[in-house]
Protein backbone atom coordinates (compact mmCIF):
# COMPACT_ATOMS: atom_id res chain seq x y z
CA MET A 1 48.98 -74.69 109.71
CA ALA A 2 47.81 -71.42 108.15
CA VAL A 3 44.13 -71.38 107.13
CA GLU A 4 43.02 -69.27 104.18
CA VAL A 5 40.18 -66.81 104.63
CA LEU A 6 38.42 -66.57 101.26
CA LEU A 7 35.63 -64.24 100.20
CA PRO A 8 32.56 -66.49 100.31
CA LYS A 9 30.02 -66.82 97.50
CA ILE A 10 26.62 -66.03 99.02
CA GLY A 11 23.84 -66.81 96.58
CA LEU A 12 23.97 -68.08 93.02
CA THR A 13 24.35 -64.69 91.37
CA MET A 14 27.09 -63.22 93.56
CA GLN A 15 30.26 -62.44 91.61
CA GLU A 16 32.04 -60.05 93.98
CA GLY A 17 31.69 -58.49 97.40
CA THR A 18 32.94 -55.53 99.39
CA ILE A 19 34.59 -55.91 102.78
CA ASP A 20 32.47 -53.37 104.59
CA GLU A 21 34.48 -53.69 107.80
CA TRP A 22 36.66 -56.16 109.62
CA LEU A 23 35.02 -57.04 112.91
CA VAL A 24 38.25 -58.09 114.65
CA PRO A 25 41.62 -56.31 114.71
CA ALA A 26 44.74 -57.77 113.13
CA GLY A 27 46.56 -60.20 115.39
CA ALA A 28 43.46 -60.98 117.47
CA ALA A 29 42.64 -64.54 118.42
CA VAL A 30 39.57 -65.81 116.56
CA ALA A 31 37.54 -68.91 117.36
CA GLU A 32 35.59 -70.93 114.83
CA GLY A 33 32.17 -69.32 114.40
CA ASP A 34 33.23 -65.83 115.51
CA ALA A 35 32.00 -62.98 113.31
CA LEU A 36 35.04 -62.00 111.23
CA LEU A 37 33.85 -59.39 108.75
CA ARG A 38 30.83 -57.48 107.50
CA LEU A 39 30.37 -58.30 103.82
CA ALA A 40 28.38 -56.11 101.43
CA THR A 41 27.09 -58.01 98.40
CA ASP A 42 24.98 -56.91 95.46
CA LYS A 43 21.85 -57.87 97.41
CA VAL A 44 22.44 -57.84 101.14
CA ASP A 45 24.97 -57.08 103.87
CA VAL A 46 25.88 -60.07 106.05
CA ASP A 47 28.30 -60.97 108.82
CA VAL A 48 30.75 -63.71 107.79
CA GLU A 49 31.96 -66.13 110.46
CA ALA A 50 35.41 -67.65 110.76
CA GLU A 51 35.56 -71.25 109.55
CA ALA A 52 38.48 -72.06 111.85
CA GLY A 53 40.36 -70.66 114.80
CA GLY A 54 43.68 -68.80 114.88
CA LEU A 55 45.33 -65.40 114.95
CA PHE A 56 43.74 -63.17 112.34
CA HIS A 57 45.91 -61.62 109.60
CA PRO A 58 44.11 -59.57 106.89
CA VAL A 59 45.63 -59.11 103.46
CA VAL A 60 43.14 -56.60 102.05
CA PRO A 61 41.70 -53.51 103.75
CA ALA A 62 38.12 -52.64 104.56
CA GLY A 63 36.30 -50.95 101.70
CA VAL A 64 37.87 -53.10 98.97
CA THR A 65 35.71 -55.00 96.45
CA VAL A 66 37.10 -58.37 95.37
CA PRO A 67 35.78 -61.38 93.39
CA THR A 68 34.30 -64.34 95.24
CA GLY A 69 36.89 -66.90 96.24
CA SER A 70 39.65 -64.29 96.61
CA LEU A 71 42.14 -64.59 99.45
CA ILE A 72 41.35 -61.87 101.97
CA GLY A 73 43.20 -63.06 105.06
CA TRP A 74 44.80 -65.83 107.10
CA LEU A 75 44.19 -67.57 110.40
CA LEU A 76 47.57 -68.41 111.87
CA ALA A 77 48.95 -70.47 114.73
CA GLU A 78 50.84 -68.79 117.56
CA GLY A 79 54.21 -67.65 116.25
CA GLU A 80 53.36 -68.48 112.64
CA GLN A 81 53.93 -65.93 109.89
CA PRO A 82 51.66 -65.49 106.86
CA PRO A 83 52.48 -67.83 103.95
CA ASP A 84 54.62 -66.58 101.11
CA PRO A 85 53.05 -65.98 97.68
CA ALA A 86 53.62 -69.64 96.79
CA GLY A 87 51.40 -70.64 99.71
CA THR A 88 54.08 -72.04 102.04
CA PRO A 89 53.82 -70.91 105.65
CA THR A 90 56.85 -68.97 106.86
CA PRO A 91 58.40 -70.21 110.12
CA ALA A 92 58.46 -67.72 112.94
CA GLY A 93 61.60 -65.57 112.91
CA SER A 94 62.61 -66.46 109.35
CA GLY A 95 61.51 -63.07 107.96
CA ALA A 96 62.85 -62.00 104.60
CA ALA A 97 65.45 -64.75 104.57
CA ALA A 98 62.70 -67.20 103.80
CA GLY A 99 61.59 -65.09 100.88
CA ALA A 100 58.20 -64.28 102.33
CA SER A 101 56.76 -60.94 101.25
CA PRO A 102 53.03 -60.85 101.86
CA PRO A 103 51.07 -58.20 99.99
CA ALA A 104 50.48 -54.77 101.45
CA LEU A 105 47.00 -53.65 102.44
CA ASP A 106 46.68 -51.48 99.36
CA GLY A 107 47.04 -54.53 97.13
CA THR A 108 50.56 -53.65 95.93
CA ASP A 109 53.72 -55.58 96.62
CA ALA A 110 55.28 -53.84 99.59
CA GLY A 111 58.39 -55.95 99.36
CA VAL A 112 58.33 -56.15 103.14
CA ALA A 113 56.85 -58.35 105.78
CA PRO A 114 53.40 -57.85 107.14
CA ALA A 115 50.03 -56.39 106.33
CA VAL A 116 49.01 -54.25 109.26
CA PRO A 117 51.53 -52.31 111.35
CA SER A 118 51.10 -50.85 114.77
CA VAL A 119 49.94 -47.24 114.72
CA ASN A 120 50.64 -46.39 118.34
CA GLY A 121 53.99 -48.00 118.97
CA THR A 122 52.54 -51.08 120.62
CA ASP A 123 53.16 -54.62 119.51
CA THR A 124 50.23 -55.92 117.44
CA GLY A 125 51.84 -59.26 116.75
CA VAL A 126 53.08 -58.34 113.27
CA ALA A 127 56.14 -56.44 112.18
CA PRO A 128 55.78 -52.82 111.00
CA ALA A 129 55.77 -52.04 107.31
CA VAL A 130 58.88 -50.47 105.83
CA PRO A 131 58.48 -47.15 103.99
CA SER A 132 59.02 -47.35 100.26
CA VAL A 133 60.79 -44.01 99.72
CA ASN A 134 63.16 -41.97 101.84
CA GLY A 135 64.63 -38.53 101.25
CA THR A 136 68.26 -37.59 101.19
CA GLY A 137 70.21 -39.09 104.04
CA GLY A 138 67.37 -41.46 104.91
CA ARG A 139 64.92 -38.66 105.77
CA LEU A 140 61.29 -39.64 105.17
CA LEU A 141 59.63 -37.51 102.50
CA SER A 142 56.33 -36.14 103.85
CA SER A 143 54.35 -32.94 103.75
CA PRO A 144 53.86 -30.79 106.86
CA ASN A 145 50.12 -31.45 106.76
CA ALA A 146 50.71 -35.20 106.53
CA ARG A 147 52.91 -35.03 109.62
CA ARG A 148 50.24 -33.01 111.42
CA VAL A 149 47.48 -35.53 110.57
CA ALA A 150 49.73 -38.45 111.50
CA THR A 151 50.63 -36.89 114.84
CA ALA A 152 46.97 -36.20 115.66
CA ALA A 153 46.04 -39.81 114.86
CA ASP A 154 49.15 -41.27 116.55
CA VAL A 155 50.29 -42.85 113.28
CA GLU A 156 53.92 -43.72 112.51
CA LEU A 157 54.68 -42.29 109.05
CA THR A 158 57.05 -45.19 108.42
CA ALA A 159 53.92 -47.33 108.06
CA VAL A 160 52.34 -45.15 105.35
CA ARG A 161 53.00 -45.51 101.63
CA GLY A 162 53.43 -42.18 99.85
CA THR A 163 51.72 -41.41 96.56
CA GLY A 164 53.06 -37.88 96.05
CA PRO A 165 55.96 -36.89 93.79
CA GLY A 166 58.96 -39.12 94.43
CA GLY A 167 56.94 -41.16 96.93
CA ARG A 168 56.28 -38.17 99.17
CA ILE A 169 53.64 -38.86 101.84
CA VAL A 170 50.73 -36.42 101.70
CA SER A 171 47.83 -36.03 104.12
CA GLU A 172 45.51 -38.07 101.87
CA ASP A 173 47.88 -41.04 102.22
CA VAL A 174 47.56 -40.88 106.00
CA GLU A 175 43.77 -40.62 105.81
CA GLU A 176 43.52 -43.56 103.41
CA PHE A 177 45.84 -45.55 105.67
CA LEU A 178 43.51 -44.92 108.60
CA ALA A 179 40.40 -45.82 106.66
CA ALA A 180 42.00 -49.07 105.47
CA LEU A 181 42.95 -50.37 108.89
CA PRO A 182 40.76 -53.18 110.24
CA GLY A 183 39.42 -53.18 113.75
CA ASP A 184 39.97 -50.20 116.01
CA LEU A 185 43.52 -49.38 114.93
CA GLY A 186 42.58 -46.32 112.86
CA THR A 187 41.83 -43.97 115.74
CA PRO A 188 42.57 -44.61 119.40
CA VAL A 189 39.44 -45.07 121.49
CA PRO A 190 39.41 -42.75 124.51
CA PRO A 191 38.67 -44.16 127.97
CA GLY A 192 34.95 -44.82 128.24
CA GLY A 193 34.58 -44.35 124.46
CA THR A 194 32.84 -46.57 121.96
CA SER A 195 34.38 -49.36 119.88
CA SER A 196 33.98 -48.96 116.12
CA SER A 197 35.93 -49.22 112.89
CA PRO A 198 37.40 -46.23 111.04
CA LEU A 199 34.74 -46.62 108.37
CA VAL A 200 31.94 -46.46 110.95
CA ARG A 201 33.47 -43.39 112.56
CA LYS A 202 33.78 -41.73 109.15
CA LEU A 203 30.13 -42.47 108.30
CA ALA A 204 29.00 -41.26 111.72
CA LYS A 205 30.80 -37.96 111.18
CA GLU A 206 29.24 -37.55 107.73
CA ARG A 207 25.76 -38.23 109.11
CA GLY A 208 26.20 -36.06 112.21
CA ILE A 209 25.74 -39.00 114.60
CA ASP A 210 27.19 -39.00 118.11
CA LEU A 211 28.61 -42.51 118.53
CA SER A 212 28.28 -42.26 122.31
CA GLU A 213 24.51 -42.36 121.82
CA VAL A 214 24.52 -45.40 119.51
CA ASN A 215 23.93 -48.90 120.87
CA GLY A 216 26.46 -51.27 119.31
CA THR A 217 25.24 -54.74 118.36
CA GLY A 218 28.66 -56.19 117.56
CA PRO A 219 30.90 -58.23 119.85
CA GLY A 220 31.54 -56.38 123.09
CA GLY A 221 29.13 -53.62 122.09
CA ARG A 222 31.09 -52.76 118.95
CA ILE A 223 29.23 -50.30 116.72
CA ARG A 224 28.61 -51.50 113.18
CA ARG A 225 27.39 -49.71 110.07
CA SER A 226 23.99 -51.36 110.47
CA ASP A 227 23.69 -49.63 113.88
CA LEU A 228 24.17 -46.27 112.15
CA ASP A 229 21.56 -47.22 109.55
CA ALA A 230 19.12 -48.02 112.37
CA VAL A 231 19.62 -44.50 113.72
CA THR A 232 19.24 -42.71 110.38
CA ALA A 233 16.39 -44.84 109.03
CA ALA A 234 13.20 -43.97 110.89
CA PRO A 235 10.69 -46.84 111.25
CA PRO A 236 7.79 -46.77 108.79
CA ARG A 237 4.48 -45.34 110.01
CA ARG A 238 1.09 -46.60 108.95
CA ASP A 239 -1.18 -44.47 106.81
CA THR A 240 1.66 -42.09 105.93
CA ALA A 241 4.16 -41.94 103.11
CA PRO A 242 7.31 -43.96 103.93
CA PRO A 243 10.21 -41.74 104.95
CA LEU A 244 13.24 -41.43 102.75
CA ARG A 245 15.86 -43.83 104.05
CA GLY A 246 19.54 -43.35 104.59
CA THR A 247 21.43 -40.15 104.15
CA ALA A 248 20.07 -37.80 101.51
CA PRO A 249 22.68 -36.89 98.88
CA ARG A 250 23.90 -33.31 98.89
CA PRO A 251 25.08 -31.10 96.03
CA GLY A 252 28.66 -31.94 95.16
CA ASP A 253 28.46 -35.52 96.45
CA VAL A 254 29.59 -38.43 94.29
CA VAL A 255 27.54 -41.60 94.77
CA PRO A 256 29.76 -44.54 93.76
CA LEU A 257 28.24 -47.19 91.50
CA THR A 258 29.39 -50.02 93.74
CA GLY A 259 27.71 -52.67 95.86
CA MET A 260 23.92 -52.65 95.74
CA ARG A 261 23.76 -49.34 93.85
CA GLY A 262 26.14 -50.62 91.17
CA THR A 263 24.22 -53.87 90.80
CA ILE A 264 20.92 -52.03 90.40
CA ALA A 265 22.48 -49.76 87.77
CA ARG A 266 23.92 -52.65 85.76
CA ARG A 267 20.80 -54.80 85.88
CA MET A 268 18.35 -52.05 85.08
CA HIS A 269 20.49 -50.85 82.16
CA ALA A 270 20.80 -54.42 80.88
CA SER A 271 17.05 -54.91 81.27
CA LEU A 272 16.22 -51.91 79.10
CA GLN A 273 18.90 -52.83 76.56
CA GLU A 274 17.86 -56.47 76.16
CA MET A 275 14.06 -56.30 76.31
CA ALA A 276 11.32 -54.60 74.31
CA GLN A 277 9.50 -53.06 77.27
CA LEU A 278 6.05 -51.50 77.12
CA THR A 279 3.80 -50.30 79.96
CA HIS A 280 0.00 -50.47 80.26
CA GLY A 281 -1.89 -48.29 82.76
CA TYR A 282 -5.12 -49.75 84.17
CA GLU A 283 -7.49 -48.32 86.81
CA VAL A 284 -9.07 -50.79 89.24
CA ARG A 285 -11.85 -50.39 91.79
CA MET A 286 -10.82 -51.00 95.40
CA ASP A 287 -14.15 -50.32 97.20
CA ALA A 288 -14.76 -53.98 97.99
CA VAL A 289 -11.19 -54.53 99.21
CA VAL A 290 -11.32 -51.46 101.50
CA SER A 291 -14.67 -52.59 102.90
CA LEU A 292 -13.51 -56.19 103.48
CA ARG A 293 -10.31 -55.02 105.14
CA ASP A 294 -12.29 -52.83 107.55
CA ARG A 295 -14.41 -55.85 108.48
CA LEU A 296 -11.33 -58.01 109.03
CA LYS A 297 -9.84 -55.42 111.37
CA GLU A 298 -12.90 -55.79 113.61
CA GLU A 299 -13.41 -59.54 113.31
CA TRP A 300 -9.73 -60.48 113.71
CA ALA A 301 -8.97 -57.95 116.45
CA ASP A 302 -8.77 -60.66 119.13
CA SER A 303 -7.05 -63.29 116.98
CA ASP A 304 -3.45 -63.83 115.95
CA LEU A 305 -4.34 -63.53 112.26
CA PRO A 306 -2.56 -60.63 110.57
CA VAL A 307 -4.89 -58.18 108.85
CA PRO A 308 -3.79 -58.04 105.21
CA SER A 309 -2.68 -54.66 103.88
CA LEU A 310 -3.92 -53.34 100.54
CA ASN A 311 -0.61 -54.48 99.04
CA ASP A 312 -1.22 -58.00 100.38
CA PHE A 313 -4.56 -58.12 98.51
CA LEU A 314 -2.77 -56.95 95.38
CA LEU A 315 -0.03 -59.56 95.79
CA LYS A 316 -2.60 -62.33 96.08
CA ALA A 317 -4.59 -61.05 93.10
CA ALA A 318 -1.41 -60.75 91.01
CA ALA A 319 -0.45 -64.34 91.83
CA LEU A 320 -3.89 -65.81 91.09
CA ALA A 321 -4.10 -63.92 87.81
CA LEU A 322 -0.76 -65.41 86.72
CA ARG A 323 -2.31 -68.85 86.96
CA GLU A 324 -4.82 -67.82 84.27
CA HIS A 325 -2.21 -65.95 82.20
CA PRO A 326 0.98 -68.06 82.24
CA LEU A 327 2.64 -65.98 79.51
CA LEU A 328 3.30 -63.34 82.18
CA ASN A 329 5.00 -65.92 84.43
CA ALA A 330 7.81 -66.82 82.06
CA THR A 331 11.40 -66.19 81.06
CA VAL A 332 13.00 -65.65 77.65
CA ARG A 333 15.96 -67.81 76.71
CA GLU A 334 17.88 -68.37 73.49
CA ASP A 335 15.68 -71.30 72.46
CA GLY A 336 12.35 -69.61 73.20
CA ILE A 337 9.87 -68.45 75.82
CA HIS A 338 9.82 -70.76 78.83
CA LEU A 339 6.55 -70.77 80.81
CA LEU A 340 7.43 -71.44 84.45
CA ASP A 341 5.75 -73.99 86.69
CA GLY A 342 5.98 -72.24 90.04
CA ILE A 343 4.60 -68.78 90.81
CA HIS A 344 7.17 -67.13 93.06
CA LEU A 345 6.24 -63.54 93.73
CA GLY A 346 8.90 -60.89 94.33
CA PHE A 347 7.93 -57.58 95.91
CA ALA A 348 10.11 -54.48 96.08
CA VAL A 349 11.20 -53.10 99.46
CA ALA A 350 13.04 -49.78 99.81
CA VAL A 351 16.17 -50.10 101.98
CA PRO A 352 19.04 -47.71 102.72
CA GLY A 353 21.08 -47.32 99.56
CA GLY A 354 18.74 -49.09 97.16
CA LEU A 355 16.05 -51.69 96.73
CA MET A 356 15.60 -55.34 97.67
CA VAL A 357 13.12 -57.83 96.21
CA PRO A 358 12.22 -60.56 98.73
CA VAL A 359 10.45 -63.55 97.23
CA ILE A 360 7.26 -65.28 98.42
CA GLU A 361 7.58 -68.82 97.12
CA ASP A 362 4.52 -70.63 95.74
CA ALA A 363 2.47 -67.51 96.38
CA VAL A 364 -0.57 -68.76 94.51
CA ASP A 365 -1.06 -71.58 97.04
CA LEU A 366 -0.91 -69.43 100.18
CA PRO A 367 -4.03 -68.24 102.03
CA LEU A 368 -4.08 -64.46 102.23
CA PRO A 369 -3.34 -64.31 106.00
CA GLU A 370 -0.22 -66.42 105.50
CA MET A 371 0.86 -64.29 102.54
CA ALA A 372 0.43 -61.20 104.71
CA ARG A 373 2.55 -62.74 107.46
CA ARG A 374 5.33 -63.70 105.05
CA SER A 375 5.39 -60.36 103.26
CA ARG A 376 5.71 -58.49 106.56
CA ASP A 377 8.41 -60.78 107.92
CA LEU A 378 10.43 -60.59 104.70
CA ALA A 379 10.07 -56.81 104.42
CA GLN A 380 11.16 -56.31 108.02
CA ALA A 381 14.15 -58.62 107.56
CA ALA A 382 15.17 -56.70 104.43
CA ARG A 383 14.97 -53.31 106.18
CA GLU A 384 16.95 -54.60 109.18
CA GLY A 385 19.63 -56.27 107.06
CA ARG A 386 18.73 -59.77 108.30
CA ILE A 387 17.43 -61.22 105.06
CA SER A 388 19.35 -64.10 103.48
CA PRO A 389 20.41 -64.18 99.81
CA ALA A 390 18.24 -67.28 99.30
CA GLN A 391 15.17 -65.20 100.20
CA LEU A 392 16.02 -62.75 97.41
CA GLU A 393 16.30 -65.26 94.58
CA GLY A 394 13.91 -67.08 92.29
CA ALA A 395 11.18 -64.49 91.60
CA THR A 396 9.13 -65.30 88.49
CA PHE A 397 7.10 -62.06 88.65
CA THR A 398 7.51 -58.86 90.66
CA VAL A 399 5.14 -56.36 92.26
CA THR A 400 6.37 -52.88 93.21
CA SER A 401 4.42 -50.09 94.86
CA LEU A 402 4.93 -46.33 94.96
CA GLY A 403 1.46 -45.60 96.29
CA GLY A 404 2.83 -44.68 99.70
CA TYR A 405 4.79 -41.88 98.01
CA GLY A 406 1.70 -40.42 96.34
CA VAL A 407 2.49 -41.78 92.85
CA ASP A 408 -0.41 -42.81 90.61
CA PHE A 409 1.23 -44.13 87.43
CA PHE A 410 4.85 -45.02 86.66
CA THR A 411 6.88 -47.28 84.37
CA PRO A 412 8.59 -49.98 86.45
CA VAL A 413 11.58 -51.72 84.87
CA ILE A 414 11.45 -55.51 84.53
CA ASN A 415 13.85 -57.54 86.64
CA PRO A 416 16.13 -59.52 84.28
CA GLY A 417 14.90 -63.08 83.96
CA ASN A 418 11.23 -62.07 84.20
CA VAL A 419 8.92 -60.90 81.41
CA ALA A 420 6.73 -58.54 83.45
CA ILE A 421 6.48 -56.39 86.57
CA LEU A 422 3.35 -54.88 88.13
CA GLY A 423 3.44 -51.36 89.58
CA VAL A 424 0.88 -50.22 92.16
CA GLY A 425 -0.17 -46.59 92.57
CA ARG A 426 -1.82 -44.75 95.46
CA LEU A 427 -5.34 -45.36 96.68
CA ARG A 428 -7.40 -42.32 95.76
CA ASP A 429 -10.96 -41.08 95.29
CA GLY A 430 -12.65 -41.64 91.97
CA VAL A 431 -16.07 -40.84 90.54
CA GLU A 432 -18.62 -43.13 88.94
CA TRP A 433 -21.88 -41.89 87.48
CA ALA A 434 -25.14 -43.64 88.41
CA ASP A 435 -27.71 -42.21 86.03
CA ASP A 436 -27.02 -38.50 86.55
CA ARG A 437 -25.64 -38.81 90.08
CA PRO A 438 -21.89 -38.89 90.86
CA LEU A 439 -20.79 -41.61 93.27
CA ARG A 440 -17.54 -41.58 95.18
CA THR A 441 -15.35 -44.62 94.54
CA ARG A 442 -11.97 -45.87 95.74
CA VAL A 443 -9.54 -46.60 92.91
CA LEU A 444 -5.86 -47.02 92.12
CA THR A 445 -3.85 -47.37 88.93
CA LEU A 446 -1.84 -50.46 88.03
CA SER A 447 1.21 -50.07 85.79
CA LEU A 448 2.13 -53.31 84.02
CA THR A 449 5.45 -53.30 82.18
CA PHE A 450 5.91 -56.36 79.96
CA ASP A 451 8.48 -57.69 77.53
CA HIS A 452 6.93 -57.39 74.07
CA ARG A 453 9.17 -60.22 72.86
CA ALA A 454 7.15 -62.62 75.00
CA VAL A 455 3.79 -60.91 75.53
CA ASP A 456 1.63 -58.83 73.21
CA GLY A 457 -0.50 -55.91 74.28
CA ALA A 458 -3.82 -57.77 74.32
CA PRO A 459 -2.72 -60.63 76.65
CA ALA A 460 -1.13 -58.06 78.96
CA ALA A 461 -4.41 -56.13 79.09
CA GLU A 462 -6.32 -59.35 79.78
CA TYR A 463 -4.04 -60.02 82.74
CA LEU A 464 -4.81 -56.59 84.17
CA ARG A 465 -8.53 -57.16 83.66
CA THR A 466 -8.29 -60.42 85.61
CA VAL A 467 -6.47 -58.69 88.47
CA GLY A 468 -9.18 -56.01 88.55
CA ASP A 469 -11.93 -58.65 88.56
CA LEU A 470 -10.34 -60.46 91.51
CA LEU A 471 -10.07 -57.22 93.47
CA SER A 472 -13.74 -56.46 92.82
CA ARG A 473 -14.69 -59.71 94.60
CA PRO A 474 -11.96 -60.01 97.26
CA LEU A 475 -13.52 -62.83 99.30
CA ARG A 476 -11.96 -65.18 96.73
CA LEU A 477 -8.54 -63.88 97.76
CA LEU A 478 -8.83 -65.00 101.37
CA VAL A 479 -8.30 -68.71 100.61
């Protein structure tokens, strides 16, 4: 009995997802629980496991974005053909006589049998696709360059759908065909070579990465996109500005508004369109926090307690201040301003291709060492692509820092559903006058953006004053 493979819904807000890469080739035997595909959602990239066993048959190519719940493949029994459009499995050997015409990988109706043909003349377990257009006398219409590219990649042109005039196959059609193939069918792997998908090989070429030097973490040492990200994203160093992550865009590039980047664009645009946002700047003294942190480094050196970072102190102060100023821990709905019971603190983490906001639940009740442990674990999971969608949902207030990049003041944009977001600038030297003598101080600037529909300027300023007061006496933040 054929088993549908549907695009899963991961998290409450997920509406669509992109098949980053198929992790098994077409026709391969899959067991329940095997990693089947790498799915890119609006928040996180995850491996999706097969819910049953069978021979894998994809119906959409890698790189395609589809709504949740969409049919993306089948798991078939030995000798079973993919079901026809009505959902009835086709008996082995019945072919077109049974009326079965599964969709082609490009999403169009090929009017022929299977999804993924062989590209090297071997039997992959499915029948080859039939070309849609032939020239006079049955000659296949194709450009010389298309034939050259196909020959170099060992691709049968009969498997490629032409998009040129009269259905003529051009080189771009061959390249798109290769990029769409799941598994390792796009380019033959030389003896002793590395296993990877066409998409991974394309990204490696763009980033100048030698795949022979990359350690694959997939099944059988298969190289995944996350392995490339681990190579291009240098680990953060303490006391230095965080490095830029991912591949820097170059003049002439087009950055598609899809996946995480597209979600950020839509949500930030909606946020500015739907809210009346205003930002306060407020300077706070950090002398006492810096001094306490230095003491903790010495006193906790031989313990397993994590020494809180400056951002951890700010997270704790932001959470405690929300308890005194509940208007900042709220959401605006059609019937009014809803003050929220729990204080669940989101904090922004830069990741390749965008930004993630892990959430520390019930932050106000956590001792500072535990908050430091959770913030570090969540940030590391986000950077390594291991974070779950559940850990990115439910924030009632967000803290974001650009201090590590040397920024003092900025205007953060509120995450939809919240009424405020707190920006943190760099720690820097300040001056305070004692009588006629200048004294060196340690200060930073907080940037509070708030929704003026829910919060007026004075309550927002009072919140900042409370945060500053807590930071001036940081022993209260330890418990």
